[in-house]
Amino acid sequence: MNIEQARQILKTQIELEKTPKGRPITQDAILHLDASLSDEKNFGNDVIQCLGCGMVSSILLVETGCPNCGCVDLETDISE
């Protein structure tokens, strides 16, 4: 799934301040999600999901692990 396809998931995480697994999202992670949504030229890139907290985010912004919980176990196979 790419960023364009996951836009609603990213927006919902910001609005609810929760991951799809129901875990809380930090303010730093919300800024990360805002950056993913505002970078329209990269909407064709993949999103990842943290296997720890469940946060879905741009693969381009997770070099050191999940921006929400720090987990390094990330997965690109995301089903809606």
Protein backbone atom coordinates (compact mmCIF):
# COMPACT_ATOMS: atom_id res chain seq x y z
CA MET A 1 0.00 0.00 0.00
CA ASN A 2 1.35 3.43 -0.85
CA ILE A 3 0.87 6.77 0.93
CA GLU A 4 -1.94 7.85 -1.43
CA GLN A 5 -3.90 4.66 -0.67
CA ALA A 6 -3.29 5.04 3.07
CA ARG A 7 -4.20 8.75 3.34
CA GLN A 8 -7.41 8.06 5.25
CA ILE A 9 -5.60 5.80 7.72
CA LEU A 10 -2.97 8.49 8.32
CA LYS A 11 -5.63 11.20 8.76
CA THR A 12 -7.67 9.04 11.15
CA GLN A 13 -4.61 8.39 13.32
CA ILE A 14 -4.08 12.16 13.63
CA GLU A 15 -7.74 12.90 14.41
CA LEU A 16 -8.14 10.14 17.01
CA GLU A 17 -4.55 10.30 18.29
CA LYS A 18 -4.56 6.51 18.20
CA THR A 19 -3.04 3.81 16.02
CA PRO A 20 -5.24 1.29 14.18
CA LYS A 21 -4.53 -1.05 17.14
CA GLY A 22 -5.94 1.58 19.52
CA ARG A 23 -2.64 2.58 21.08
CA PRO A 24 -2.06 6.30 21.86
CA ILE A 25 0.06 8.37 19.47
CA THR A 26 2.63 10.86 20.75
CA GLN A 27 2.76 14.49 19.58
CA ASP A 28 6.06 13.79 17.80
CA ALA A 29 4.40 10.96 15.90
CA ILE A 30 1.50 13.26 14.93
CA LEU A 31 4.03 15.72 13.47
CA HIS A 32 5.55 12.79 11.57
CA LEU A 33 2.12 11.86 10.17
CA ASP A 34 1.46 15.49 9.16
CA ALA A 35 4.78 15.51 7.29
CA SER A 36 3.81 12.30 5.48
CA LEU A 37 0.50 13.82 4.37
CA SER A 38 1.98 17.13 3.26
CA ASP A 39 4.70 15.56 1.08
CA GLU A 40 2.48 14.97 -1.96
CA LYS A 41 5.37 14.32 -4.35
CA ASN A 42 6.12 11.10 -2.43
CA PHE A 43 2.57 9.71 -2.32
CA GLY A 44 3.70 6.79 -4.52
CA ASN A 45 6.04 5.46 -1.82
CA ASP A 46 5.06 2.66 0.52
CA VAL A 47 3.73 2.92 4.04
CA ILE A 48 4.81 0.67 6.89
CA GLN A 49 3.07 -0.54 10.01
CA CYS A 50 4.80 -0.91 13.34
CA LEU A 51 4.37 -4.42 14.72
CA GLY A 52 4.58 -2.98 18.24
CA CYS A 53 2.05 -0.16 18.48
CA GLY A 54 0.43 -0.55 15.04
CA MET A 55 1.13 2.97 13.75
CA VAL A 56 0.99 3.30 9.96
CA SER A 57 3.43 5.83 8.47
CA SER A 58 5.57 6.67 5.45
CA ILE A 59 8.47 4.32 4.85
CA LEU A 60 10.63 7.36 4.05
CA LEU A 61 10.51 8.67 7.63
CA VAL A 62 11.26 5.58 9.71
CA GLU A 63 15.02 5.10 9.42
CA THR A 64 15.51 4.51 13.14
CA GLY A 65 12.26 2.67 13.88
CA CYS A 66 8.71 3.62 14.71
CA PRO A 67 8.35 7.35 15.43
CA ASN A 68 5.68 6.53 18.02
CA CYS A 69 7.12 3.73 20.14
CA GLY A 70 10.64 3.22 18.81
CA CYS A 71 10.07 -0.40 17.81
CA VAL A 72 12.29 -1.56 14.93
CA ASP A 73 9.93 -4.33 13.80
CA LEU A 74 8.11 -2.80 10.83
CA GLU A 75 6.02 -4.43 8.12
CA THR A 76 5.06 -3.25 4.63
CA ASP A 77 2.27 -5.80 4.06
CA ILE A 78 -0.69 -3.76 5.31
CA SER A 79 -4.31 -4.73 4.73
CA GLU A 80 -7.05 -2.14 5.02
